[in-house]
Each structure stands twice: as structure tokens, then as C-alpha cells.
């Protein structure tokens, strides 16, 4: 193959012809990452709509539910559970504290650590948010039957569960 002139355009297209459309027939349709991201965008759109009045983001909701389920959880444990960097958890907990939804309490056994607890306002809000999140989930997955929805959830859990192998090509 002869060398390409670096100044020659690779392919010229009229600007109005460069708009993208559906990905039907493209390799993206066969990629799990692309499908997961598109599904996530749809699910988060519904979530954002129902949580807007409470100004709650997905990570905040997840943190509130984890704190409710594990009162006294440490920031490092919360970071690990949420699979986010510890500095992001600090900001997240700071936000929840500033809003009066959570508070840090120094741990008795390790005076360097703090346990995180919901305030009464946080407890009341998380009850409401859990109901809203269920409505959001159902709205975002309305194209699926309940059986399909459960099956999809089960398959996704298998992908991210601790038992899932991190080695490429492993089918265990």
C-alpha cells in the first residue's frame, strides 16, 4: 500500500451528511458495554425525574440506603460498597451531612474512624426515596415483563458479583 499524503483528507463528507442515526447494523449493537450504557441512560433518566423534587443523585440514594441498612458504616466501607474512590465518599457524606440527612459519629473502638448514621430526617426521606426508586425502576423497564425484568436483574448481578471472575475469557 503506498504511503498516504498526510495533508490529503481521508474521506470528505458534506457537513449535513455527518449526522448520526440509529446504530442498527453496526458493531455497537453487539457490544454489551454499549447496550448497558444505553440502558443505564434510560434508567437514570427515569430516576432523575422522580428524584428531582428531592435533589437526590443516584450515588446519594445508594449511600442513604446502605447507611440505613448498615448504621455506623465507615466511610472506607461505604466507598468499597459503592465502588468509588474514598475522596468521592468524603464529598458525598459531606453533602448528606450538610443537608441534615446523615451524621458522622467517632467510633469507640477506633478513634480515627467515624461511623455514618442517618438522622431522623434522613430516615424519613429514605423511606420515601425507596418507594420512588421502585416506581422509577418499573417505569424504565416497562418494555419488559416481570419475568424478563427479574431475569435481567439476575444476569446483571452475575456480572458484577464478587464471584464473577475478573479474568478475561473465564467462563466459570
C-alpha atoms as a PDB file:
ATOM      1  CA  UNK A   1       0.000   0.000   0.000  1.00  0.00           C
ATOM      2  CA  UNK A   2       1.503   3.371  -0.967  1.00  0.00           C
ATOM      3  CA  UNK A   3       2.040   5.887   1.833  1.00  0.00           C
ATOM      4  CA  UNK A   4      -0.817   8.339   2.327  1.00  0.00           C
ATOM      5  CA  UNK A   5      -0.253  12.039   1.839  1.00  0.00           C
ATOM      6  CA  UNK A   6      -0.689  13.446   5.380  1.00  0.00           C
ATOM      7  CA  UNK A   7      -2.392  16.558   4.018  1.00  0.00           C
ATOM      8  CA  UNK A   8      -4.934  14.663   1.927  1.00  0.00           C
ATOM      9  CA  UNK A   9      -8.329  14.264   3.564  1.00  0.00           C
ATOM     10  CA  UNK A  10      -9.183  10.704   4.491  1.00  0.00           C
ATOM     11  CA  UNK A  11     -12.802  10.999   3.462  1.00  0.00           C
ATOM     12  CA  UNK A  12     -14.762  14.076   2.639  1.00  0.00           C
ATOM     13  CA  UNK A  13     -18.427  14.253   3.567  1.00  0.00           C
ATOM     14  CA  UNK A  14     -20.806  17.129   3.259  1.00  0.00           C
ATOM     15  CA  UNK A  15     -21.480  18.566   6.758  1.00  0.00           C
ATOM     16  CA  UNK A  16     -25.222  17.900   6.555  1.00  0.00           C
ATOM     17  CA  UNK A  17     -24.483  14.234   5.829  1.00  0.00           C
ATOM     18  CA  UNK A  18     -22.492  13.733   9.043  1.00  0.00           C
ATOM     19  CA  UNK A  19     -25.471  13.490  11.392  1.00  0.00           C
ATOM     20  CA  UNK A  20     -25.682  10.113  13.050  1.00  0.00           C
ATOM     21  CA  UNK A  21     -28.749   7.959  13.242  1.00  0.00           C
ATOM     22  CA  UNK A  22     -29.552   4.593  14.766  1.00  0.00           C
ATOM     23  CA  UNK A  23     -26.761   2.084  15.225  1.00  0.00           C
ATOM     24  CA  UNK A  24     -28.697  -0.725  13.571  1.00  0.00           C
ATOM     25  CA  UNK A  25     -26.279  -2.997  11.782  1.00  0.00           C
ATOM     26  CA  UNK A  26     -23.201  -1.503  13.413  1.00  0.00           C
ATOM     27  CA  UNK A  27     -20.896  -3.475  15.683  1.00  0.00           C
ATOM     28  CA  UNK A  28     -22.126  -1.406  18.652  1.00  0.00           C
ATOM     29  CA  UNK A  29     -25.365  -3.383  18.642  1.00  0.00           C
ATOM     30  CA  UNK A  30     -23.302  -6.456  19.529  1.00  0.00           C
ATOM     31  CA  UNK A  31     -21.364  -4.868  22.390  1.00  0.00           C
ATOM     32  CA  UNK A  32     -22.577  -5.394  25.923  1.00  0.00           C
ATOM     33  CA  UNK A  33     -20.930  -2.193  27.156  1.00  0.00           C
ATOM     34  CA  UNK A  34     -22.843  -0.102  24.635  1.00  0.00           C
ATOM     35  CA  UNK A  35     -26.145  -1.783  25.473  1.00  0.00           C
ATOM     36  CA  UNK A  36     -25.529  -1.422  29.215  1.00  0.00           C
ATOM     37  CA  UNK A  37     -24.700   2.258  28.847  1.00  0.00           C
ATOM     38  CA  UNK A  38     -27.802   2.949  26.761  1.00  0.00           C
ATOM     39  CA  UNK A  39     -29.957   1.076  29.278  1.00  0.00           C
ATOM     40  CA  UNK A  40     -28.267   2.955  32.139  1.00  0.00           C
ATOM     41  CA  UNK A  41     -29.032   6.286  30.483  1.00  0.00           C
ATOM     42  CA  UNK A  42     -32.707   5.365  30.227  1.00  0.00           C
ATOM     43  CA  UNK A  43     -32.892   4.077  33.813  1.00  0.00           C
ATOM     44  CA  UNK A  44     -31.057   7.158  35.164  1.00  0.00           C
ATOM     45  CA  UNK A  45     -33.343   9.474  33.183  1.00  0.00           C
ATOM     46  CA  UNK A  46     -36.377   7.994  34.922  1.00  0.00           C
ATOM     47  CA  UNK A  47     -34.565   8.047  38.268  1.00  0.00           C
ATOM     48  CA  UNK A  48     -33.601  11.698  37.829  1.00  0.00           C
ATOM     49  CA  UNK A  49     -37.185  12.647  37.007  1.00  0.00           C
ATOM     50  CA  UNK A  50     -38.678  11.038  40.127  1.00  0.00           C
ATOM     51  CA  UNK A  51     -35.879  12.210  42.449  1.00  0.00           C
ATOM     52  CA  UNK A  52     -35.713  15.777  41.139  1.00  0.00           C
ATOM     53  CA  UNK A  53     -38.033  17.199  43.801  1.00  0.00           C
ATOM     54  CA  UNK A  54     -35.717  15.781  46.496  1.00  0.00           C
ATOM     55  CA  UNK A  55     -32.487  16.797  44.708  1.00  0.00           C
ATOM     56  CA  UNK A  56     -31.070  13.283  45.089  1.00  0.00           C
ATOM     57  CA  UNK A  57     -28.471  11.806  42.744  1.00  0.00           C
ATOM     58  CA  UNK A  58     -28.017   8.026  42.252  1.00  0.00           C
ATOM     59  CA  UNK A  59     -24.867   7.832  44.414  1.00  0.00           C
ATOM     60  CA  UNK A  60     -26.586   9.758  47.210  1.00  0.00           C
ATOM     61  CA  UNK A  61     -29.567   7.434  47.093  1.00  0.00           C
ATOM     62  CA  UNK A  62     -27.302   4.380  47.170  1.00  0.00           C
ATOM     63  CA  UNK A  63     -25.356   5.790  50.115  1.00  0.00           C
ATOM     64  CA  UNK A  64     -28.540   6.551  52.062  1.00  0.00           C
ATOM     65  CA  UNK A  65     -29.865   3.017  51.518  1.00  0.00           C
ATOM     66  CA  UNK A  66     -26.529   1.474  52.566  1.00  0.00           C
ATOM     67  CA  UNK A  67     -26.319   3.669  55.668  1.00  0.00           C
ATOM     68  CA  UNK A  68     -29.897   2.740  56.535  1.00  0.00           C
ATOM     69  CA  UNK A  69     -29.110  -0.958  56.158  1.00  0.00           C
ATOM     70  CA  UNK A  70     -25.744  -0.744  57.955  1.00  0.00           C
ATOM     71  CA  UNK A  71     -25.934   2.027  60.579  1.00  0.00           C
ATOM     72  CA  UNK A  72     -22.442   3.063  61.624  1.00  0.00           C
ATOM     73  CA  UNK A  73     -20.812   2.062  58.344  1.00  0.00           C
ATOM     74  CA  UNK A  74     -17.393   3.678  57.947  1.00  0.00           C
ATOM     75  CA  UNK A  75     -16.503   5.900  55.021  1.00  0.00           C
ATOM     76  CA  UNK A  76     -13.947   3.383  53.754  1.00  0.00           C
ATOM     77  CA  UNK A  77     -16.503   0.574  53.861  1.00  0.00           C
ATOM     78  CA  UNK A  78     -19.070   2.794  52.149  1.00  0.00           C
ATOM     79  CA  UNK A  79     -16.530   3.624  49.430  1.00  0.00           C
ATOM     80  CA  UNK A  80     -15.809  -0.065  48.897  1.00  0.00           C
ATOM     81  CA  UNK A  81     -19.507  -0.980  48.776  1.00  0.00           C
ATOM     82  CA  UNK A  82     -20.281   1.823  46.315  1.00  0.00           C
ATOM     83  CA  UNK A  83     -17.108   1.011  44.313  1.00  0.00           C
ATOM     84  CA  UNK A  84     -15.992   4.643  44.348  1.00  0.00           C
ATOM     85  CA  UNK A  85     -12.809   6.394  45.458  1.00  0.00           C
ATOM     86  CA  UNK A  86     -12.613   7.363  49.151  1.00  0.00           C
ATOM     87  CA  UNK A  87     -12.288  11.110  48.370  1.00  0.00           C
ATOM     88  CA  UNK A  88     -15.601  10.972  46.496  1.00  0.00           C
ATOM     89  CA  UNK A  89     -17.228   9.321  49.520  1.00  0.00           C
ATOM     90  CA  UNK A  90     -15.964  12.144  51.736  1.00  0.00           C
ATOM     91  CA  UNK A  91     -17.693  14.672  49.444  1.00  0.00           C
ATOM     92  CA  UNK A  92     -20.809  12.503  49.308  1.00  0.00           C
ATOM     93  CA  UNK A  93     -21.051  12.218  53.097  1.00  0.00           C
ATOM     94  CA  UNK A  94     -20.281  15.939  53.470  1.00  0.00           C
ATOM     95  CA  UNK A  95     -23.245  16.680  51.212  1.00  0.00           C
ATOM     96  CA  UNK A  96     -25.549  14.348  53.139  1.00  0.00           C
ATOM     97  CA  UNK A  97     -24.427  15.926  56.411  1.00  0.00           C
ATOM     98  CA  UNK A  98     -24.893  19.456  55.097  1.00  0.00           C
ATOM     99  CA  UNK A  99     -28.447  18.541  54.091  1.00  0.00           C
ATOM    100  CA  UNK A 100     -29.140  17.130  57.548  1.00  0.00           C
ATOM    101  CA  UNK A 101     -29.673  13.585  56.253  1.00  0.00           C
ATOM    102  CA  UNK A 102     -26.664  11.834  57.811  1.00  0.00           C
ATOM    103  CA  UNK A 103     -24.081  12.391  60.502  1.00  0.00           C
ATOM    104  CA  UNK A 104     -20.668  11.067  61.416  1.00  0.00           C
ATOM    105  CA  UNK A 105     -20.010   9.680  64.893  1.00  0.00           C
ATOM    106  CA  UNK A 106     -16.498   8.847  66.119  1.00  0.00           C
ATOM    107  CA  UNK A 107     -16.069   5.078  66.513  1.00  0.00           C
ATOM    108  CA  UNK A 108     -15.340   3.901  70.056  1.00  0.00           C
ATOM    109  CA  UNK A 109     -13.012   1.058  69.054  1.00  0.00           C
ATOM    110  CA  UNK A 110     -11.010   3.078  66.503  1.00  0.00           C
ATOM    111  CA  UNK A 111     -10.973   6.769  67.419  1.00  0.00           C
ATOM    112  CA  UNK A 112      -9.605   7.621  63.949  1.00  0.00           C
ATOM    113  CA  UNK A 113     -12.728   6.309  62.187  1.00  0.00           C
ATOM    114  CA  UNK A 114     -16.243   7.641  62.033  1.00  0.00           C
ATOM    115  CA  UNK A 115     -19.443   5.683  61.689  1.00  0.00           C
ATOM    116  CA  UNK A 116     -22.132   7.175  59.485  1.00  0.00           C
ATOM    117  CA  UNK A 117     -25.748   7.227  60.615  1.00  0.00           C
ATOM    118  CA  UNK A 118     -28.967   8.618  59.191  1.00  0.00           C
ATOM    119  CA  UNK A 119     -30.622  11.485  61.005  1.00  0.00           C
ATOM    120  CA  UNK A 120     -34.362  11.344  61.650  1.00  0.00           C
ATOM    121  CA  UNK A 121     -34.848  13.444  58.516  1.00  0.00           C
ATOM    122  CA  UNK A 122     -32.613  11.015  56.597  1.00  0.00           C
ATOM    123  CA  UNK A 123     -34.582   8.024  57.874  1.00  0.00           C
ATOM    124  CA  UNK A 124     -37.875   9.597  56.823  1.00  0.00           C
ATOM    125  CA  UNK A 125     -36.551  10.616  53.422  1.00  0.00           C
ATOM    126  CA  UNK A 126     -35.008   7.237  52.595  1.00  0.00           C
ATOM    127  CA  UNK A 127     -38.397   5.545  53.109  1.00  0.00           C
ATOM    128  CA  UNK A 128     -39.926   7.909  50.528  1.00  0.00           C
ATOM    129  CA  UNK A 129     -36.956   7.570  48.165  1.00  0.00           C
ATOM    130  CA  UNK A 130     -37.108   3.775  48.160  1.00  0.00           C
ATOM    131  CA  UNK A 131     -40.740   3.909  47.039  1.00  0.00           C
ATOM    132  CA  UNK A 132     -39.863   6.447  44.339  1.00  0.00           C
ATOM    133  CA  UNK A 133     -36.936   4.333  43.150  1.00  0.00           C
ATOM    134  CA  UNK A 134     -39.235   1.343  42.734  1.00  0.00           C
ATOM    135  CA  UNK A 135     -41.637   3.431  40.638  1.00  0.00           C
ATOM    136  CA  UNK A 136     -38.698   4.681  38.584  1.00  0.00           C
ATOM    137  CA  UNK A 137     -37.361   1.165  38.014  1.00  0.00           C
ATOM    138  CA  UNK A 138     -40.735  -0.088  36.839  1.00  0.00           C
ATOM    139  CA  UNK A 139     -41.223   2.886  34.510  1.00  0.00           C
ATOM    140  CA  UNK A 140     -37.746   2.493  33.000  1.00  0.00           C
ATOM    141  CA  UNK A 141     -38.280  -1.226  32.360  1.00  0.00           C
ATOM    142  CA  UNK A 142     -41.913  -1.130  31.269  1.00  0.00           C
ATOM    143  CA  UNK A 143     -40.993  -2.806  27.973  1.00  0.00           C
ATOM    144  CA  UNK A 144     -40.081  -5.950  29.955  1.00  0.00           C
ATOM    145  CA  UNK A 145     -42.391  -8.446  31.583  1.00  0.00           C
ATOM    146  CA  UNK A 146     -41.869  -9.021  35.315  1.00  0.00           C
ATOM    147  CA  UNK A 147     -40.186 -12.345  34.487  1.00  0.00           C
ATOM    148  CA  UNK A 148     -37.852 -10.651  31.966  1.00  0.00           C
ATOM    149  CA  UNK A 149     -37.101  -7.873  34.456  1.00  0.00           C
ATOM    150  CA  UNK A 150     -36.133 -10.392  37.154  1.00  0.00           C
ATOM    151  CA  UNK A 151     -34.067 -12.375  34.639  1.00  0.00           C
ATOM    152  CA  UNK A 152     -32.189  -9.255  33.511  1.00  0.00           C
ATOM    153  CA  UNK A 153     -31.520  -8.247  37.100  1.00  0.00           C
ATOM    154  CA  UNK A 154     -30.222 -11.723  37.882  1.00  0.00           C
ATOM    155  CA  UNK A 155     -27.923 -11.737  34.857  1.00  0.00           C
ATOM    156  CA  UNK A 156     -26.546  -8.298  35.699  1.00  0.00           C
ATOM    157  CA  UNK A 157     -25.886  -9.389  39.290  1.00  0.00           C
ATOM    158  CA  UNK A 158     -23.904 -12.359  37.963  1.00  0.00           C
ATOM    159  CA  UNK A 159     -21.678  -9.972  36.019  1.00  0.00           C
ATOM    160  CA  UNK A 160     -20.810  -7.732  38.973  1.00  0.00           C
ATOM    161  CA  UNK A 161     -20.961 -10.218  41.843  1.00  0.00           C
ATOM    162  CA  UNK A 162     -17.774 -10.915  43.798  1.00  0.00           C
ATOM    163  CA  UNK A 163     -17.898 -14.498  42.499  1.00  0.00           C
ATOM    164  CA  UNK A 164     -17.626 -13.277  38.894  1.00  0.00           C
ATOM    165  CA  UNK A 165     -14.120 -13.843  37.604  1.00  0.00           C
ATOM    166  CA  UNK A 166     -12.105 -10.794  36.677  1.00  0.00           C
ATOM    167  CA  UNK A 167     -10.061 -12.784  34.203  1.00  0.00           C
ATOM    168  CA  UNK A 168     -10.869 -12.204  30.526  1.00  0.00           C
ATOM    169  CA  UNK A 169     -12.135 -15.328  28.807  1.00  0.00           C
ATOM    170  CA  UNK A 170     -13.075 -17.118  32.017  1.00  0.00           C
ATOM    171  CA  UNK A 171     -16.418 -18.889  31.753  1.00  0.00           C
ATOM    172  CA  UNK A 172     -16.733 -20.014  35.351  1.00  0.00           C
END
